N, C-alpha and C. Protein backbone atom coordinates (compact mmCIF):
# COMPACT_ATOMS: atom_id res chain seq x y z
N MET A 1 -2.78 19.78 -15.28
CA MET A 1 -1.65 19.34 -14.47
C MET A 1 -1.50 20.29 -13.27
N THR A 2 -1.35 19.69 -12.12
CA THR A 2 -1.14 20.48 -10.92
C THR A 2 0.34 20.52 -10.57
N THR A 3 0.77 21.61 -9.98
CA THR A 3 2.16 21.70 -9.56
C THR A 3 2.31 21.41 -8.07
N ARG A 4 1.21 21.10 -7.41
CA ARG A 4 1.26 20.74 -5.99
C ARG A 4 1.15 19.24 -5.84
N PRO A 5 1.79 18.69 -4.80
CA PRO A 5 1.68 17.25 -4.58
C PRO A 5 0.24 16.83 -4.25
N LEU A 6 -0.11 15.66 -4.70
CA LEU A 6 -1.38 15.03 -4.36
C LEU A 6 -1.14 14.11 -3.18
N VAL A 7 -2.21 13.69 -2.51
CA VAL A 7 -2.08 12.80 -1.36
C VAL A 7 -2.65 11.44 -1.71
N GLY A 8 -1.81 10.43 -1.56
CA GLY A 8 -2.24 9.05 -1.75
C GLY A 8 -2.13 8.31 -0.43
N VAL A 9 -2.86 7.21 -0.31
CA VAL A 9 -2.83 6.38 0.88
C VAL A 9 -2.61 4.94 0.44
N GLY A 10 -1.65 4.28 1.08
CA GLY A 10 -1.38 2.87 0.83
C GLY A 10 -1.82 2.04 2.03
N ALA A 11 -2.53 0.93 1.77
CA ALA A 11 -3.05 0.05 2.82
C ALA A 11 -2.17 -1.18 2.94
N VAL A 12 -1.27 -1.18 3.91
CA VAL A 12 -0.38 -2.30 4.16
C VAL A 12 -1.07 -3.24 5.14
N VAL A 13 -1.44 -4.44 4.67
CA VAL A 13 -2.10 -5.42 5.52
C VAL A 13 -1.15 -6.60 5.68
N ILE A 14 -0.80 -6.87 6.94
CA ILE A 14 0.18 -7.92 7.24
C ILE A 14 -0.48 -9.03 8.04
N SER A 15 -0.19 -10.26 7.65
CA SER A 15 -0.63 -11.44 8.39
C SER A 15 0.58 -12.34 8.55
N GLY A 16 1.04 -12.50 9.79
CA GLY A 16 2.25 -13.28 10.02
C GLY A 16 3.42 -12.60 9.33
N ASN A 17 4.05 -13.32 8.42
CA ASN A 17 5.19 -12.79 7.68
C ASN A 17 4.82 -12.45 6.23
N SER A 18 3.53 -12.29 5.95
CA SER A 18 3.07 -12.02 4.59
C SER A 18 2.32 -10.72 4.51
N VAL A 19 2.28 -10.17 3.30
CA VAL A 19 1.59 -8.90 3.04
C VAL A 19 0.63 -9.10 1.86
N ALA A 20 -0.52 -8.41 1.92
CA ALA A 20 -1.50 -8.45 0.84
C ALA A 20 -1.07 -7.49 -0.27
N LEU A 21 -0.89 -8.02 -1.48
CA LEU A 21 -0.47 -7.20 -2.62
C LEU A 21 -1.38 -7.42 -3.81
N MET A 22 -1.38 -6.45 -4.70
CA MET A 22 -2.12 -6.54 -5.96
C MET A 22 -1.22 -6.08 -7.11
N ARG A 23 -1.46 -6.67 -8.29
CA ARG A 23 -0.76 -6.19 -9.48
C ARG A 23 -1.67 -5.18 -10.17
N ARG A 24 -1.11 -4.01 -10.42
CA ARG A 24 -1.86 -2.88 -10.94
C ARG A 24 -2.19 -3.04 -12.42
N ARG A 25 -3.42 -2.63 -12.79
CA ARG A 25 -3.89 -2.71 -14.18
C ARG A 25 -4.73 -1.47 -14.46
N ASN A 26 -4.61 -0.92 -15.64
CA ASN A 26 -5.41 0.23 -16.08
C ASN A 26 -5.20 1.48 -15.23
N ILE A 27 -4.09 1.56 -14.52
CA ILE A 27 -3.76 2.72 -13.70
C ILE A 27 -2.26 2.96 -13.77
N SER A 28 -1.81 4.06 -13.22
CA SER A 28 -0.38 4.36 -13.19
C SER A 28 0.37 3.19 -12.56
N GLY A 29 1.49 2.83 -13.14
CA GLY A 29 2.27 1.70 -12.62
C GLY A 29 1.75 0.37 -13.09
N LYS A 30 1.07 0.33 -14.20
CA LYS A 30 0.50 -0.91 -14.74
C LYS A 30 1.55 -2.02 -14.75
N GLY A 31 1.15 -3.19 -14.23
CA GLY A 31 2.03 -4.36 -14.23
C GLY A 31 2.94 -4.47 -13.02
N THR A 32 2.89 -3.46 -12.12
CA THR A 32 3.72 -3.51 -10.93
C THR A 32 2.89 -3.96 -9.73
N TRP A 33 3.58 -4.43 -8.70
CA TRP A 33 2.94 -4.94 -7.49
C TRP A 33 3.01 -3.90 -6.37
N SER A 34 1.89 -3.76 -5.66
CA SER A 34 1.84 -2.84 -4.52
C SER A 34 0.69 -3.25 -3.62
N THR A 35 0.58 -2.55 -2.52
CA THR A 35 -0.60 -2.72 -1.68
C THR A 35 -1.75 -1.98 -2.33
N PRO A 36 -2.98 -2.31 -1.97
CA PRO A 36 -4.10 -1.47 -2.42
C PRO A 36 -3.91 -0.05 -1.89
N GLY A 37 -4.50 0.89 -2.58
CA GLY A 37 -4.40 2.28 -2.16
C GLY A 37 -4.95 3.21 -3.21
N GLY A 38 -4.98 4.49 -2.88
CA GLY A 38 -5.50 5.46 -3.83
C GLY A 38 -5.52 6.84 -3.23
N TYR A 39 -6.26 7.72 -3.89
CA TYR A 39 -6.35 9.12 -3.48
C TYR A 39 -7.12 9.26 -2.17
N LEU A 40 -6.65 10.16 -1.34
CA LEU A 40 -7.36 10.55 -0.13
C LEU A 40 -8.48 11.50 -0.54
N ASP A 41 -9.73 11.15 -0.21
CA ASP A 41 -10.87 12.00 -0.55
C ASP A 41 -11.00 13.16 0.43
N TYR A 42 -11.64 14.22 -0.03
CA TYR A 42 -11.87 15.39 0.81
C TYR A 42 -12.62 14.97 2.08
N GLY A 43 -12.09 15.37 3.24
CA GLY A 43 -12.72 15.10 4.52
C GLY A 43 -12.52 13.70 5.06
N GLU A 44 -11.83 12.86 4.33
CA GLU A 44 -11.63 11.46 4.72
C GLU A 44 -10.35 11.32 5.54
N SER A 45 -10.37 10.44 6.55
CA SER A 45 -9.15 10.18 7.31
C SER A 45 -8.30 9.17 6.55
N PRO A 46 -6.98 9.19 6.73
CA PRO A 46 -6.13 8.18 6.08
C PRO A 46 -6.54 6.75 6.44
N SER A 47 -6.95 6.51 7.68
CA SER A 47 -7.39 5.18 8.09
C SER A 47 -8.64 4.74 7.32
N ASP A 48 -9.61 5.64 7.21
CA ASP A 48 -10.82 5.31 6.45
C ASP A 48 -10.51 5.10 4.97
N CYS A 49 -9.60 5.90 4.43
CA CYS A 49 -9.20 5.75 3.04
C CYS A 49 -8.57 4.38 2.80
N ALA A 50 -7.68 3.97 3.70
CA ALA A 50 -7.03 2.66 3.56
C ALA A 50 -8.07 1.54 3.57
N SER A 51 -9.02 1.61 4.50
CA SER A 51 -10.08 0.59 4.57
C SER A 51 -10.92 0.58 3.30
N ARG A 52 -11.29 1.77 2.82
CA ARG A 52 -12.13 1.89 1.62
C ARG A 52 -11.42 1.35 0.39
N GLU A 53 -10.17 1.78 0.18
CA GLU A 53 -9.42 1.32 -1.00
C GLU A 53 -9.19 -0.19 -0.98
N LEU A 54 -8.90 -0.73 0.19
CA LEU A 54 -8.68 -2.17 0.33
C LEU A 54 -9.93 -2.94 -0.08
N GLU A 55 -11.08 -2.49 0.41
CA GLU A 55 -12.33 -3.18 0.07
C GLU A 55 -12.68 -2.99 -1.41
N GLU A 56 -12.52 -1.77 -1.94
CA GLU A 56 -12.85 -1.51 -3.34
C GLU A 56 -11.97 -2.30 -4.30
N GLU A 57 -10.68 -2.41 -3.98
CA GLU A 57 -9.74 -2.99 -4.95
C GLU A 57 -9.61 -4.51 -4.85
N VAL A 58 -9.66 -5.07 -3.64
CA VAL A 58 -9.46 -6.52 -3.52
C VAL A 58 -10.51 -7.23 -2.67
N GLY A 59 -11.52 -6.50 -2.19
CA GLY A 59 -12.63 -7.11 -1.48
C GLY A 59 -12.36 -7.46 -0.02
N LEU A 60 -11.25 -7.01 0.55
CA LEU A 60 -10.97 -7.30 1.96
C LEU A 60 -11.57 -6.22 2.85
N LYS A 61 -12.17 -6.64 3.96
CA LYS A 61 -12.72 -5.70 4.94
C LYS A 61 -11.82 -5.73 6.16
N VAL A 62 -11.06 -4.66 6.34
CA VAL A 62 -10.12 -4.54 7.46
C VAL A 62 -10.27 -3.13 8.03
N SER A 63 -10.29 -3.05 9.35
CA SER A 63 -10.32 -1.75 10.00
C SER A 63 -9.14 -1.69 10.97
N GLY A 64 -9.04 -0.61 11.70
CA GLY A 64 -7.97 -0.49 12.69
C GLY A 64 -6.62 -0.15 12.10
N PHE A 65 -6.60 0.57 10.98
CA PHE A 65 -5.33 0.97 10.39
C PHE A 65 -4.66 2.03 11.26
N CYS A 66 -3.33 1.93 11.36
CA CYS A 66 -2.50 2.90 12.09
C CYS A 66 -1.46 3.46 11.13
N PHE A 67 -1.00 4.67 11.43
CA PHE A 67 0.03 5.30 10.61
C PHE A 67 1.32 4.47 10.63
N LEU A 68 1.92 4.28 9.45
CA LEU A 68 3.19 3.58 9.31
C LEU A 68 4.31 4.55 8.92
N ALA A 69 4.16 5.23 7.79
CA ALA A 69 5.23 6.11 7.29
C ALA A 69 4.69 6.95 6.13
N LEU A 70 5.53 7.89 5.67
CA LEU A 70 5.26 8.69 4.48
C LEU A 70 6.35 8.42 3.46
N THR A 71 6.00 8.47 2.18
CA THR A 71 7.02 8.50 1.13
C THR A 71 6.74 9.69 0.23
N ASN A 72 7.81 10.21 -0.36
CA ASN A 72 7.75 11.33 -1.29
C ASN A 72 7.93 10.75 -2.68
N ASP A 73 6.87 10.76 -3.48
CA ASP A 73 6.86 10.01 -4.74
C ASP A 73 6.66 10.92 -5.94
N VAL A 74 7.73 11.11 -6.71
CA VAL A 74 7.68 11.95 -7.90
C VAL A 74 7.75 11.06 -9.13
N PHE A 75 6.76 11.22 -10.01
CA PHE A 75 6.70 10.48 -11.27
C PHE A 75 7.05 11.44 -12.39
N GLN A 76 8.33 11.48 -12.76
CA GLN A 76 8.81 12.42 -13.77
C GLN A 76 8.10 12.22 -15.11
N GLU A 77 7.84 10.94 -15.49
CA GLU A 77 7.29 10.65 -16.81
C GLU A 77 5.93 11.27 -17.05
N ASP A 78 5.12 11.45 -16.00
CA ASP A 78 3.83 12.10 -16.19
C ASP A 78 3.66 13.34 -15.31
N SER A 79 4.79 13.89 -14.85
CA SER A 79 4.82 15.14 -14.09
C SER A 79 3.83 15.15 -12.93
N ARG A 80 3.85 14.05 -12.15
CA ARG A 80 2.97 13.96 -10.98
C ARG A 80 3.81 13.76 -9.73
N HIS A 81 3.33 14.33 -8.65
CA HIS A 81 4.04 14.26 -7.37
C HIS A 81 3.01 13.89 -6.30
N PHE A 82 3.32 12.84 -5.55
CA PHE A 82 2.45 12.39 -4.47
C PHE A 82 3.20 12.39 -3.16
N ILE A 83 2.50 12.68 -2.10
CA ILE A 83 2.93 12.32 -0.76
C ILE A 83 2.06 11.12 -0.43
N THR A 84 2.67 9.98 -0.19
CA THR A 84 1.91 8.77 0.12
C THR A 84 1.95 8.52 1.61
N ILE A 85 0.77 8.42 2.20
CA ILE A 85 0.62 8.08 3.61
C ILE A 85 0.40 6.57 3.67
N TRP A 86 1.34 5.87 4.28
CA TRP A 86 1.23 4.42 4.40
C TRP A 86 0.61 4.08 5.74
N MET A 87 -0.49 3.34 5.68
CA MET A 87 -1.22 2.90 6.87
C MET A 87 -1.05 1.39 6.98
N VAL A 88 -0.98 0.87 8.21
CA VAL A 88 -0.77 -0.55 8.41
C VAL A 88 -1.82 -1.14 9.33
N ALA A 89 -2.22 -2.38 9.03
CA ALA A 89 -3.12 -3.15 9.89
C ALA A 89 -2.60 -4.59 9.92
N MET A 90 -2.64 -5.17 11.10
CA MET A 90 -2.25 -6.58 11.27
C MET A 90 -3.54 -7.41 11.35
N VAL A 91 -3.55 -8.51 10.63
CA VAL A 91 -4.70 -9.42 10.68
C VAL A 91 -4.22 -10.83 11.01
N SER A 92 -5.08 -11.62 11.64
CA SER A 92 -4.67 -12.96 12.04
C SER A 92 -4.80 -13.97 10.90
N GLU A 93 -5.76 -13.76 10.00
CA GLU A 93 -5.98 -14.71 8.90
C GLU A 93 -5.75 -14.05 7.54
N GLN A 94 -5.26 -14.86 6.62
CA GLN A 94 -5.07 -14.39 5.24
C GLN A 94 -6.34 -14.71 4.44
N GLU A 95 -7.24 -13.77 4.44
CA GLU A 95 -8.49 -13.94 3.71
C GLU A 95 -8.22 -13.93 2.20
N PRO A 96 -8.99 -14.72 1.44
CA PRO A 96 -8.81 -14.69 -0.02
C PRO A 96 -9.25 -13.35 -0.60
N MET A 97 -8.56 -12.93 -1.65
CA MET A 97 -8.89 -11.68 -2.34
C MET A 97 -9.48 -12.03 -3.69
N SER A 98 -10.80 -12.19 -3.73
CA SER A 98 -11.44 -12.68 -4.95
C SER A 98 -12.30 -11.63 -5.64
N GLN A 99 -12.59 -10.52 -4.98
CA GLN A 99 -13.41 -9.47 -5.59
C GLN A 99 -12.49 -8.36 -6.07
N LEU A 100 -11.89 -8.56 -7.24
CA LEU A 100 -10.91 -7.61 -7.75
C LEU A 100 -11.58 -6.54 -8.61
N SER A 101 -11.15 -5.29 -8.43
CA SER A 101 -11.69 -4.19 -9.24
C SER A 101 -11.03 -4.21 -10.62
N GLU A 102 -11.50 -3.32 -11.48
CA GLU A 102 -10.92 -3.21 -12.83
C GLU A 102 -9.51 -2.66 -12.80
N GLU A 103 -9.06 -2.14 -11.64
CA GLU A 103 -7.70 -1.63 -11.50
C GLU A 103 -6.70 -2.71 -11.10
N VAL A 104 -7.20 -3.94 -10.89
CA VAL A 104 -6.36 -5.01 -10.34
C VAL A 104 -6.30 -6.18 -11.31
N ASP A 105 -5.08 -6.60 -11.63
CA ASP A 105 -4.84 -7.73 -12.52
C ASP A 105 -4.80 -9.05 -11.75
N ALA A 106 -4.21 -9.04 -10.56
CA ALA A 106 -4.08 -10.22 -9.72
C ALA A 106 -3.83 -9.75 -8.30
N ALA A 107 -4.09 -10.62 -7.32
CA ALA A 107 -3.85 -10.25 -5.93
C ALA A 107 -3.54 -11.52 -5.13
N GLY A 108 -2.79 -11.34 -4.05
CA GLY A 108 -2.48 -12.48 -3.19
C GLY A 108 -1.65 -12.06 -2.00
N TRP A 109 -1.32 -13.04 -1.18
CA TRP A 109 -0.49 -12.84 0.00
C TRP A 109 0.92 -13.28 -0.35
N PHE A 110 1.91 -12.45 -0.04
CA PHE A 110 3.29 -12.73 -0.40
C PHE A 110 4.19 -12.61 0.82
N PRO A 111 5.16 -13.54 0.97
CA PRO A 111 6.12 -13.41 2.07
C PRO A 111 6.90 -12.10 1.92
N LEU A 112 7.04 -11.39 3.01
CA LEU A 112 7.76 -10.12 2.99
C LEU A 112 9.21 -10.27 2.56
N LYS A 113 9.77 -11.44 2.74
CA LYS A 113 11.16 -11.68 2.34
C LYS A 113 11.27 -12.18 0.90
N ASP A 114 10.14 -12.33 0.20
CA ASP A 114 10.14 -12.83 -1.18
C ASP A 114 9.02 -12.14 -1.96
N LEU A 115 9.12 -10.82 -2.11
CA LEU A 115 8.09 -10.06 -2.79
C LEU A 115 8.18 -10.23 -4.31
N PRO A 116 7.03 -10.17 -5.00
CA PRO A 116 7.05 -10.27 -6.46
C PRO A 116 7.67 -9.01 -7.06
N SER A 117 8.01 -9.08 -8.33
CA SER A 117 8.55 -7.90 -8.99
C SER A 117 7.90 -7.77 -10.36
N PRO A 118 7.92 -6.59 -10.88
CA PRO A 118 8.48 -5.37 -10.31
C PRO A 118 7.52 -4.75 -9.30
N LEU A 119 8.09 -4.03 -8.32
CA LEU A 119 7.28 -3.33 -7.34
C LEU A 119 6.94 -1.93 -7.85
N PHE A 120 5.76 -1.45 -7.49
CA PHE A 120 5.35 -0.07 -7.77
C PHE A 120 6.33 0.85 -7.05
N PRO A 121 6.90 1.85 -7.72
CA PRO A 121 7.96 2.66 -7.11
C PRO A 121 7.69 3.19 -5.70
N PRO A 122 6.49 3.72 -5.39
CA PRO A 122 6.28 4.17 -4.01
C PRO A 122 6.38 3.03 -2.99
N PHE A 123 5.84 1.85 -3.33
CA PHE A 123 5.93 0.71 -2.42
C PHE A 123 7.37 0.23 -2.32
N ALA A 124 8.10 0.23 -3.43
CA ALA A 124 9.52 -0.14 -3.40
C ALA A 124 10.29 0.79 -2.48
N ARG A 125 9.95 2.08 -2.51
CA ARG A 125 10.60 3.06 -1.64
C ARG A 125 10.31 2.73 -0.17
N LEU A 126 9.08 2.39 0.16
CA LEU A 126 8.72 2.02 1.52
C LEU A 126 9.48 0.78 1.97
N VAL A 127 9.51 -0.25 1.12
CA VAL A 127 10.21 -1.50 1.44
C VAL A 127 11.70 -1.25 1.64
N ALA A 128 12.28 -0.36 0.84
CA ALA A 128 13.71 -0.06 0.94
C ALA A 128 14.05 0.80 2.16
N GLY A 129 13.02 1.31 2.82
CA GLY A 129 13.26 2.14 4.00
C GLY A 129 13.42 3.61 3.69
N ASP A 130 13.16 4.01 2.43
CA ASP A 130 13.27 5.41 2.02
C ASP A 130 11.95 6.12 2.36
N SER A 131 11.71 6.27 3.64
CA SER A 131 10.44 6.81 4.12
C SER A 131 10.70 7.70 5.33
N LEU A 132 9.65 8.38 5.76
CA LEU A 132 9.70 9.16 6.98
C LEU A 132 8.68 8.57 7.95
N PRO A 133 9.05 8.05 9.07
CA PRO A 133 10.42 7.80 9.50
C PRO A 133 11.07 6.71 8.64
N PRO A 134 12.42 6.73 8.56
CA PRO A 134 13.13 5.75 7.74
C PRO A 134 12.98 4.33 8.30
N LYS A 135 12.91 3.38 7.40
CA LYS A 135 12.88 1.95 7.73
C LYS A 135 11.80 1.58 8.74
N GLU A 136 10.68 2.29 8.71
CA GLU A 136 9.60 2.03 9.67
C GLU A 136 8.95 0.68 9.44
N LEU A 137 8.84 0.23 8.21
CA LEU A 137 8.28 -1.10 7.94
C LEU A 137 9.14 -2.17 8.60
N ASP A 138 10.46 -2.05 8.50
CA ASP A 138 11.37 -3.01 9.15
C ASP A 138 11.15 -3.02 10.66
N ARG A 139 11.00 -1.85 11.24
CA ARG A 139 10.81 -1.76 12.69
C ARG A 139 9.51 -2.44 13.13
N ILE A 140 8.43 -2.20 12.40
CA ILE A 140 7.14 -2.79 12.72
C ILE A 140 7.23 -4.32 12.60
N LEU A 141 7.87 -4.80 11.57
CA LEU A 141 7.98 -6.25 11.35
C LEU A 141 8.84 -6.90 12.44
N ALA A 142 9.91 -6.25 12.83
CA ALA A 142 10.76 -6.78 13.89
C ALA A 142 9.97 -6.83 15.21
N GLN A 143 9.19 -5.80 15.46
CA GLN A 143 8.39 -5.73 16.67
C GLN A 143 7.34 -6.85 16.68
N GLU A 144 6.72 -7.10 15.53
CA GLU A 144 5.72 -8.16 15.42
C GLU A 144 6.32 -9.54 15.64
N SER A 145 7.53 -9.76 15.10
CA SER A 145 8.17 -11.09 15.24
C SER A 145 8.58 -11.37 16.68
N ARG A 146 8.82 -10.30 17.46
CA ARG A 146 9.16 -10.49 18.88
C ARG A 146 7.91 -10.66 19.72
N GLY A 147 6.78 -10.14 19.18
CA GLY A 147 5.58 -9.97 19.90
C GLY A 147 4.82 -11.10 20.38
């Protein structure tokens, strides 16, 4: 067990008013919904990590990720602490997610105003606006709808 925070990266992929989500299996947060994501590897950029995790977990190939926000995620039950770097990419088409890894139970595109539950706590924190900067997902979505 480490007493220092670990670094995770979440890949937020938005198409129109929908977001790509997966239900977690065989990993922390089993049965909850979140974006693909995982540990930042040594020497890897957050953007590259988001692209890699997205492809590994749900088979989507997306590049051009930009920084969205950070969340501070403490899991008391297993004494783990993460700083999650949330990266975002906008895509024009909702590609099917058919190549699911063993960490994924199901995947699909969900309207941002009607997300499935339960949400993985770090993703729930991002959606609720408990991030740095605060409510950054709301700002990006509002900007896109005007755009």
